[in-house]
PDB file of all heavy atoms in Angstrom:
ATOM      1  N   LEU A   1      -1.148  -8.393  -9.550  1.00  0.00           N
ATOM      2  CA  LEU A   1      -0.155  -7.682 -10.351  1.00  0.00           C
ATOM      3  C   LEU A   1      -0.066  -8.256 -11.755  1.00  0.00           C
ATOM      4  O   LEU A   1       0.136  -7.517 -12.731  1.00  0.00           O
ATOM      5  CB  LEU A   1       1.212  -7.740  -9.661  1.00  0.00           C
ATOM      6  CG  LEU A   1       2.405  -7.144 -10.409  1.00  0.00           C
ATOM      7  CD1 LEU A   1       2.166  -5.678 -10.754  1.00  0.00           C
ATOM      8  CD2 LEU A   1       3.679  -7.296  -9.589  1.00  0.00           C
ATOM      9  N   ASN A   2      -0.213  -9.566 -11.892  1.00  0.00           N
ATOM     10  CA  ASN A   2      -0.097 -10.191 -13.211  1.00  0.00           C
ATOM     11  C   ASN A   2      -1.212  -9.772 -14.157  1.00  0.00           C
ATOM     12  O   ASN A   2      -1.046  -9.802 -15.373  1.00  0.00           O
ATOM     13  CB  ASN A   2      -0.109 -11.717 -13.080  1.00  0.00           C
ATOM     14  CG  ASN A   2       1.148 -12.257 -12.428  1.00  0.00           C
ATOM     15  OD1 ASN A   2       2.022 -11.491 -12.020  1.00  0.00           O
ATOM     16  ND2 ASN A   2       1.234 -13.567 -12.309  1.00  0.00           N
ATOM     17  N   ALA A   3      -2.359  -9.386 -13.600  1.00  0.00           N
ATOM     18  CA  ALA A   3      -3.538  -9.105 -14.414  1.00  0.00           C
ATOM     19  C   ALA A   3      -3.841  -7.618 -14.553  1.00  0.00           C
ATOM     20  O   ALA A   3      -4.858  -7.254 -15.154  1.00  0.00           O
ATOM     21  CB  ALA A   3      -4.753  -9.827 -13.815  1.00  0.00           C
ATOM     22  N   ASN A   4      -2.969  -6.760 -14.013  1.00  0.00           N
ATOM     23  CA  ASN A   4      -3.237  -5.330 -14.021  1.00  0.00           C
ATOM     24  C   ASN A   4      -1.983  -4.542 -14.398  1.00  0.00           C
ATOM     25  O   ASN A   4      -0.864  -5.015 -14.188  1.00  0.00           O
ATOM     26  CB  ASN A   4      -3.719  -4.877 -12.639  1.00  0.00           C
ATOM     27  CG  ASN A   4      -5.108  -5.381 -12.316  1.00  0.00           C
ATOM     28  OD1 ASN A   4      -6.098  -4.778 -12.716  1.00  0.00           O
ATOM     29  ND2 ASN A   4      -5.194  -6.502 -11.605  1.00  0.00           N
ATOM     30  N   PRO A   5      -2.169  -3.321 -14.925  1.00  0.00           N
ATOM     31  CA  PRO A   5      -1.010  -2.485 -15.227  1.00  0.00           C
ATOM     32  C   PRO A   5      -0.211  -2.181 -13.964  1.00  0.00           C
ATOM     33  O   PRO A   5      -0.775  -2.030 -12.874  1.00  0.00           O
ATOM     34  CB  PRO A   5      -1.634  -1.210 -15.800  1.00  0.00           C
ATOM     35  CG  PRO A   5      -2.986  -1.611 -16.278  1.00  0.00           C
ATOM     36  CD  PRO A   5      -3.438  -2.690 -15.339  1.00  0.00           C
ATOM     37  N   LEU A   6       1.092  -2.069 -14.117  1.00  0.00           N
ATOM     38  CA  LEU A   6       1.962  -1.834 -12.973  1.00  0.00           C
ATOM     39  C   LEU A   6       1.589  -0.549 -12.241  1.00  0.00           C
ATOM     40  O   LEU A   6       1.574  -0.521 -11.004  1.00  0.00           O
ATOM     41  CB  LEU A   6       3.421  -1.778 -13.426  1.00  0.00           C
ATOM     42  CG  LEU A   6       4.461  -1.488 -12.345  1.00  0.00           C
ATOM     43  CD1 LEU A   6       4.433  -2.546 -11.257  1.00  0.00           C
ATOM     44  CD2 LEU A   6       5.850  -1.387 -12.959  1.00  0.00           C
ATOM     45  N   ALA A   7       1.269   0.500 -12.958  1.00  0.00           N
ATOM     46  CA  ALA A   7       0.936   1.775 -12.316  1.00  0.00           C
ATOM     47  C   ALA A   7      -0.294   1.642 -11.425  1.00  0.00           C
ATOM     48  O   ALA A   7      -0.345   2.233 -10.337  1.00  0.00           O
ATOM     49  CB  ALA A   7       0.713   2.850 -13.371  1.00  0.00           C
ATOM     50  N   ASP A   8      -1.286   0.881 -11.875  1.00  0.00           N
ATOM     51  CA  ASP A   8      -2.492   0.675 -11.061  1.00  0.00           C
ATOM     52  C   ASP A   8      -2.159  -0.110  -9.797  1.00  0.00           C
ATOM     53  O   ASP A   8      -2.673   0.186  -8.715  1.00  0.00           O
ATOM     54  CB  ASP A   8      -3.560  -0.071 -11.872  1.00  0.00           C
ATOM     55  CG  ASP A   8      -4.120   0.767 -13.008  1.00  0.00           C
ATOM     56  OD1 ASP A   8      -3.829   1.988 -13.060  1.00  0.00           O
ATOM     57  OD2 ASP A   8      -4.844   0.203 -13.848  1.00  0.00           O
ATOM     58  N   TRP A   9      -1.312  -1.120  -9.949  1.00  0.00           N
ATOM     59  CA  TRP A   9      -0.935  -1.941  -8.792  1.00  0.00           C
ATOM     60  C   TRP A   9      -0.133  -1.122  -7.787  1.00  0.00           C
ATOM     61  O   TRP A   9      -0.359  -1.227  -6.579  1.00  0.00           O
ATOM     62  CB  TRP A   9      -0.136  -3.150  -9.269  1.00  0.00           C
ATOM     63  CG  TRP A   9       0.193  -4.124  -8.192  1.00  0.00           C
ATOM     64  CD1 TRP A   9      -0.598  -5.131  -7.706  1.00  0.00           C
ATOM     65  CD2 TRP A   9       1.416  -4.184  -7.440  1.00  0.00           C
ATOM     66  NE1 TRP A   9       0.058  -5.819  -6.708  1.00  0.00           N
ATOM     67  CE2 TRP A   9       1.286  -5.264  -6.518  1.00  0.00           C
ATOM     68  CE3 TRP A   9       2.594  -3.452  -7.454  1.00  0.00           C
ATOM     69  CZ2 TRP A   9       2.299  -5.621  -5.630  1.00  0.00           C
ATOM     70  CZ3 TRP A   9       3.605  -3.796  -6.568  1.00  0.00           C
ATOM     71  CH2 TRP A   9       3.458  -4.865  -5.665  1.00  0.00           C
ATOM     72  N   GLU A  10       0.780  -0.310  -8.274  1.00  0.00           N
ATOM     73  CA  GLU A  10       1.560   0.538  -7.372  1.00  0.00           C
ATOM     74  C   GLU A  10       0.648   1.482  -6.588  1.00  0.00           C
ATOM     75  O   GLU A  10       0.841   1.707  -5.391  1.00  0.00           O
ATOM     76  CB  GLU A  10       2.593   1.326  -8.175  1.00  0.00           C
ATOM     77  CG  GLU A  10       3.718   0.470  -8.727  1.00  0.00           C
ATOM     78  CD  GLU A  10       4.681   1.257  -9.595  1.00  0.00           C
ATOM     79  OE1 GLU A  10       4.370   2.440  -9.921  1.00  0.00           O
ATOM     80  OE2 GLU A  10       5.744   0.712  -9.957  1.00  0.00           O
ATOM     81  N   GLN A  11      -0.364   2.036  -7.267  1.00  0.00           N
ATOM     82  CA  GLN A  11      -1.313   2.907  -6.583  1.00  0.00           C
ATOM     83  C   GLN A  11      -2.091   2.137  -5.518  1.00  0.00           C
ATOM     84  O   GLN A  11      -2.409   2.670  -4.454  1.00  0.00           O
ATOM     85  CB  GLN A  11      -2.267   3.523  -7.598  1.00  0.00           C
ATOM     86  CG  GLN A  11      -3.221   4.555  -7.006  1.00  0.00           C
ATOM     87  CD  GLN A  11      -4.106   5.190  -8.058  1.00  0.00           C
ATOM     88  OE1 GLN A  11      -4.468   4.569  -9.058  1.00  0.00           O
ATOM     89  NE2 GLN A  11      -4.461   6.452  -7.844  1.00  0.00           N
ATOM     90  N   ASP A  12      -2.396   0.858  -5.791  1.00  0.00           N
ATOM     91  CA  ASP A  12      -3.126   0.034  -4.833  1.00  0.00           C
ATOM     92  C   ASP A  12      -2.270  -0.254  -3.603  1.00  0.00           C
ATOM     93  O   ASP A  12      -2.786  -0.345  -2.491  1.00  0.00           O
ATOM     94  CB  ASP A  12      -3.555  -1.278  -5.503  1.00  0.00           C
ATOM     95  CG  ASP A  12      -4.905  -1.770  -5.014  1.00  0.00           C
ATOM     96  OD1 ASP A  12      -5.868  -0.985  -5.033  1.00  0.00           O
ATOM     97  OD2 ASP A  12      -4.993  -2.943  -4.606  1.00  0.00           O
ATOM     98  N   VAL A  13      -0.969  -0.406  -3.804  1.00  0.00           N
ATOM     99  CA  VAL A  13      -0.043  -0.596  -2.678  1.00  0.00           C
ATOM    100  C   VAL A  13      -0.011   0.658  -1.813  1.00  0.00           C
ATOM    101  O   VAL A  13      -0.167   0.600  -0.582  1.00  0.00           O
ATOM    102  CB  VAL A  13       1.373  -0.942  -3.185  1.00  0.00           C
ATOM    103  CG1 VAL A  13       2.381  -0.902  -2.037  1.00  0.00           C
ATOM    104  CG2 VAL A  13       1.387  -2.324  -3.842  1.00  0.00           C
ATOM    105  N   THR A  14       0.189   1.812  -2.442  1.00  0.00           N
ATOM    106  CA  THR A  14       0.338   3.056  -1.670  1.00  0.00           C
ATOM    107  C   THR A  14      -0.972   3.473  -1.018  1.00  0.00           C
ATOM    108  O   THR A  14      -0.957   4.112   0.042  1.00  0.00           O
ATOM    109  CB  THR A  14       0.866   4.189  -2.560  1.00  0.00           C
ATOM    110  OG1 THR A  14      -0.019   4.387  -3.672  1.00  0.00           O
ATOM    111  CG2 THR A  14       2.249   3.848  -3.091  1.00  0.00           C
ATOM    112  N   ARG A  15      -2.096   3.132  -1.614  1.00  0.00           N
ATOM    113  CA  ARG A  15      -3.387   3.493  -1.022  1.00  0.00           C
ATOM    114  C   ARG A  15      -3.590   2.831   0.332  1.00  0.00           C
ATOM    115  O   ARG A  15      -4.315   3.332   1.185  1.00  0.00           O
ATOM    116  CB  ARG A  15      -4.523   3.105  -1.972  1.00  0.00           C
ATOM    117  CG  ARG A  15      -5.882   3.615  -1.532  1.00  0.00           C
ATOM    118  CD  ARG A  15      -6.946   3.317  -2.560  1.00  0.00           C
ATOM    119  NE  ARG A  15      -8.240   3.824  -2.129  1.00  0.00           N
ATOM    120  CZ  ARG A  15      -9.371   3.674  -2.803  1.00  0.00           C
ATOM    121  NH1 ARG A  15      -9.361   3.036  -3.962  1.00  0.00           N
ATOM    122  NH2 ARG A  15     -10.506   4.158  -2.333  1.00  0.00           N
ATOM    123  N   ASN A  16      -2.943   1.705   0.548  1.00  0.00           N
ATOM    124  CA  ASN A  16      -3.067   0.980   1.810  1.00  0.00           C
ATOM    125  C   ASN A  16      -2.196   1.574   2.919  1.00  0.00           C
ATOM    126  O   ASN A  16      -2.413   1.295   4.104  1.00  0.00           O
ATOM    127  CB  ASN A  16      -2.656  -0.487   1.588  1.00  0.00           C
ATOM    128  CG  ASN A  16      -3.613  -1.484   2.197  1.00  0.00           C
ATOM    129  OD1 ASN A  16      -4.779  -1.208   2.431  1.00  0.00           O
ATOM    130  ND2 ASN A  16      -3.113  -2.674   2.460  1.00  0.00           N
ATOM    131  N   GLU A  17      -1.212   2.352   2.555  1.00  0.00           N
ATOM    132  CA  GLU A  17      -0.191   2.772   3.514  1.00  0.00           C
ATOM    133  C   GLU A  17      -0.703   3.689   4.629  1.00  0.00           C
ATOM    134  O   GLU A  17      -0.284   3.527   5.791  1.00  0.00           O
ATOM    135  CB  GLU A  17       0.979   3.415   2.770  1.00  0.00           C
ATOM    136  CG  GLU A  17       1.748   2.398   1.946  1.00  0.00           C
ATOM    137  CD  GLU A  17       2.906   2.986   1.169  1.00  0.00           C
ATOM    138  OE1 GLU A  17       2.982   4.241   1.079  1.00  0.00           O
ATOM    139  OE2 GLU A  17       3.742   2.208   0.661  1.00  0.00           O
ATOM    140  N   PRO A  18      -1.602   4.665   4.363  1.00  0.00           N
ATOM    141  CA  PRO A  18      -2.081   5.490   5.478  1.00  0.00           C
ATOM    142  C   PRO A  18      -2.744   4.669   6.585  1.00  0.00           C
ATOM    143  O   PRO A  18      -2.580   4.966   7.775  1.00  0.00           O
ATOM    144  CB  PRO A  18      -3.084   6.438   4.800  1.00  0.00           C
ATOM    145  CG  PRO A  18      -2.605   6.540   3.397  1.00  0.00           C
ATOM    146  CD  PRO A  18      -2.085   5.174   3.067  1.00  0.00           C
ATOM    147  N   MET A  19      -3.468   3.631   6.218  1.00  0.00           N
ATOM    148  CA  MET A  19      -4.103   2.778   7.214  1.00  0.00           C
ATOM    149  C   MET A  19      -3.055   2.024   8.029  1.00  0.00           C
ATOM    150  O   MET A  19      -3.176   1.883   9.260  1.00  0.00           O
ATOM    151  CB  MET A  19      -5.061   1.798   6.535  1.00  0.00           C
ATOM    152  CG  MET A  19      -5.856   0.929   7.487  1.00  0.00           C
ATOM    153  SD  MET A  19      -7.123  -0.027   6.622  1.00  0.00           S
ATOM    154  CE  MET A  19      -8.220   1.291   6.083  1.00  0.00           C
ATOM    155  N   LEU A  20      -2.010   1.552   7.362  1.00  0.00           N
ATOM    156  CA  LEU A  20      -0.950   0.844   8.073  1.00  0.00           C
ATOM    157  C   LEU A  20      -0.212   1.782   9.026  1.00  0.00           C
ATOM    158  O   LEU A  20       0.114   1.405  10.153  1.00  0.00           O
ATOM    159  CB  LEU A  20       0.016   0.210   7.077  1.00  0.00           C
ATOM    160  CG  LEU A  20      -0.573  -0.940   6.250  1.00  0.00           C
ATOM    161  CD1 LEU A  20       0.349  -1.309   5.108  1.00  0.00           C
ATOM    162  CD2 LEU A  20      -0.850  -2.151   7.124  1.00  0.00           C
ATOM    163  N   ARG A  21       0.043   3.006   8.587  1.00  0.00           N
ATOM    164  CA  ARG A  21       0.688   3.987   9.472  1.00  0.00           C
ATOM    165  C   ARG A  21      -0.189   4.265  10.686  1.00  0.00           C
ATOM    166  O   ARG A  21       0.304   4.385  11.818  1.00  0.00           O
ATOM    167  CB  ARG A  21       0.940   5.290   8.719  1.00  0.00           C
ATOM    168  CG  ARG A  21       2.014   5.207   7.656  1.00  0.00           C
ATOM    169  CD  ARG A  21       2.394   6.593   7.158  1.00  0.00           C
ATOM    170  NE  ARG A  21       3.235   6.513   5.970  1.00  0.00           N
ATOM    171  CZ  ARG A  21       2.778   6.636   4.731  1.00  0.00           C
ATOM    172  NH1 ARG A  21       1.487   6.849   4.516  1.00  0.00           N
ATOM    173  NH2 ARG A  21       3.602   6.536   3.711  1.00  0.00           N
ATOM    174  N   LYS A  22      -1.483   4.363  10.460  1.00  0.00           N
ATOM    175  CA  LYS A  22      -2.410   4.665  11.551  1.00  0.00           C
ATOM    176  C   LYS A  22      -2.343   3.603  12.641  1.00  0.00           C
ATOM    177  O   LYS A  22      -2.260   3.924  13.839  1.00  0.00           O
ATOM    178  CB  LYS A  22      -3.839   4.760  11.007  1.00  0.00           C
ATOM    179  CG  LYS A  22      -4.912   4.880  12.083  1.00  0.00           C
ATOM    180  CD  LYS A  22      -6.296   4.846  11.466  1.00  0.00           C
ATOM    181  CE  LYS A  22      -7.382   4.814  12.551  1.00  0.00           C
ATOM    182  NZ  LYS A  22      -8.742   4.756  11.962  1.00  0.00           N
ATOM    183  N   TYR A  23      -2.376   2.339  12.251  1.00  0.00           N
ATOM    184  CA  TYR A  23      -2.445   1.263  13.241  1.00  0.00           C
ATOM    185  C   TYR A  23      -1.075   0.831  13.755  1.00  0.00           C
ATOM    186  O   TYR A  23      -0.964   0.361  14.887  1.00  0.00           O
ATOM    187  CB  TYR A  23      -3.189   0.056  12.655  1.00  0.00           C
ATOM    188  CG  TYR A  23      -4.675   0.279  12.548  1.00  0.00           C
ATOM    189  CD1 TYR A  23      -5.259   0.609  11.337  1.00  0.00           C
ATOM    190  CD2 TYR A  23      -5.498   0.194  13.668  1.00  0.00           C
ATOM    191  CE1 TYR A  23      -6.627   0.826  11.230  1.00  0.00           C
ATOM    192  CE2 TYR A  23      -6.865   0.416  13.581  1.00  0.00           C
ATOM    193  CZ  TYR A  23      -7.420   0.734  12.357  1.00  0.00           C
ATOM    194  OH  TYR A  23      -8.775   0.963  12.260  1.00  0.00           O
ATOM    195  N   MET A  24      -0.045   0.988  12.938  1.00  0.00           N
ATOM    196  CA  MET A  24       1.277   0.500  13.338  1.00  0.00           C
ATOM    197  C   MET A  24       2.137   1.571  13.991  1.00  0.00           C
ATOM    198  O   MET A  24       3.082   1.248  14.710  1.00  0.00           O
ATOM    199  CB  MET A  24       2.006  -0.072  12.119  1.00  0.00           C
ATOM    200  CG  MET A  24       1.448  -1.407  11.649  1.00  0.00           C
ATOM    201  SD  MET A  24       1.791  -2.750  12.824  1.00  0.00           S
ATOM    202  CE  MET A  24       3.530  -3.024  12.502  1.00  0.00           C
ATOM    203  N   GLY A  25       1.823   2.837  13.765  1.00  0.00           N
ATOM    204  CA  GLY A  25       2.622   3.891  14.375  1.00  0.00           C
ATOM    205  C   GLY A  25       4.073   3.789  13.946  1.00  0.00           C
ATOM    206  O   GLY A  25       4.389   3.731  12.753  1.00  0.00           O
ATOM    207  N   ALA A  26       4.982   3.741  14.929  1.00  0.00           N
ATOM    208  CA  ALA A  26       6.413   3.683  14.637  1.00  0.00           C
ATOM    209  C   ALA A  26       6.898   2.267  14.346  1.00  0.00           C
ATOM    210  O   ALA A  26       8.061   2.071  13.968  1.00  0.00           O
ATOM    211  CB  ALA A  26       7.202   4.256  15.811  1.00  0.00           C
ATOM    212  N   ALA A  27       6.035   1.256  14.531  1.00  0.00           N
ATOM    213  CA  ALA A  27       6.439  -0.131  14.285  1.00  0.00           C
ATOM    214  C   ALA A  27       6.546  -0.398  12.781  1.00  0.00           C
ATOM    215  O   ALA A  27       5.970   0.315  11.959  1.00  0.00           O
ATOM    216  CB  ALA A  27       5.446  -1.088  14.930  1.00  0.00           C
ATOM    217  N   ASP A  28       7.273  -1.436  12.428  1.00  0.00           N
ATOM    218  CA  ASP A  28       7.579  -1.715  11.015  1.00  0.00           C
ATOM    219  C   ASP A  28       6.413  -2.402  10.327  1.00  0.00           C
ATOM    220  O   ASP A  28       6.050  -3.530  10.666  1.00  0.00           O
ATOM    221  CB  ASP A  28       8.833  -2.592  10.925  1.00  0.00           C
ATOM    222  CG  ASP A  28       9.240  -2.862   9.482  1.00  0.00           C
ATOM    223  OD1 ASP A  28       8.808  -2.103   8.599  1.00  0.00           O
ATOM    224  OD2 ASP A  28       9.982  -3.831   9.247  1.00  0.00           O
ATOM    225  N   TRP A  29       5.837  -1.721   9.331  1.00  0.00           N
ATOM    226  CA  TRP A  29       4.764  -2.322   8.523  1.00  0.00           C
ATOM    227  C   TRP A  29       5.224  -2.558   7.076  1.00  0.00           C
ATOM    228  O   TRP A  29       4.425  -2.924   6.214  1.00  0.00           O
ATOM    229  CB  TRP A  29       3.530  -1.417   8.518  1.00  0.00           C
ATOM    230  CG  TRP A  29       3.804   0.031   8.217  1.00  0.00           C
ATOM    231  CD1 TRP A  29       4.022   1.026   9.125  1.00  0.00           C
ATOM    232  CD2 TRP A  29       3.898   0.643   6.919  1.00  0.00           C
ATOM    233  NE1 TRP A  29       4.251   2.228   8.472  1.00  0.00           N
ATOM    234  CE2 TRP A  29       4.179   2.020   7.122  1.00  0.00           C
ATOM    235  CE3 TRP A  29       3.780   0.169   5.619  1.00  0.00           C
ATOM    236  CZ2 TRP A  29       4.328   2.927   6.076  1.00  0.00           C
ATOM    237  CZ3 TRP A  29       3.933   1.063   4.562  1.00  0.00           C
ATOM    238  CH2 TRP A  29       4.212   2.427   4.798  1.00  0.00           C
TER     239      TRP A  29
END
């Protein structure tokens, strides 16, 4: 985050979320 624009970092966070939903289901990720 320190070395990249905030918008790019936010996109990198959200890009990971479908994979977390897939493996975690209803559990808290």
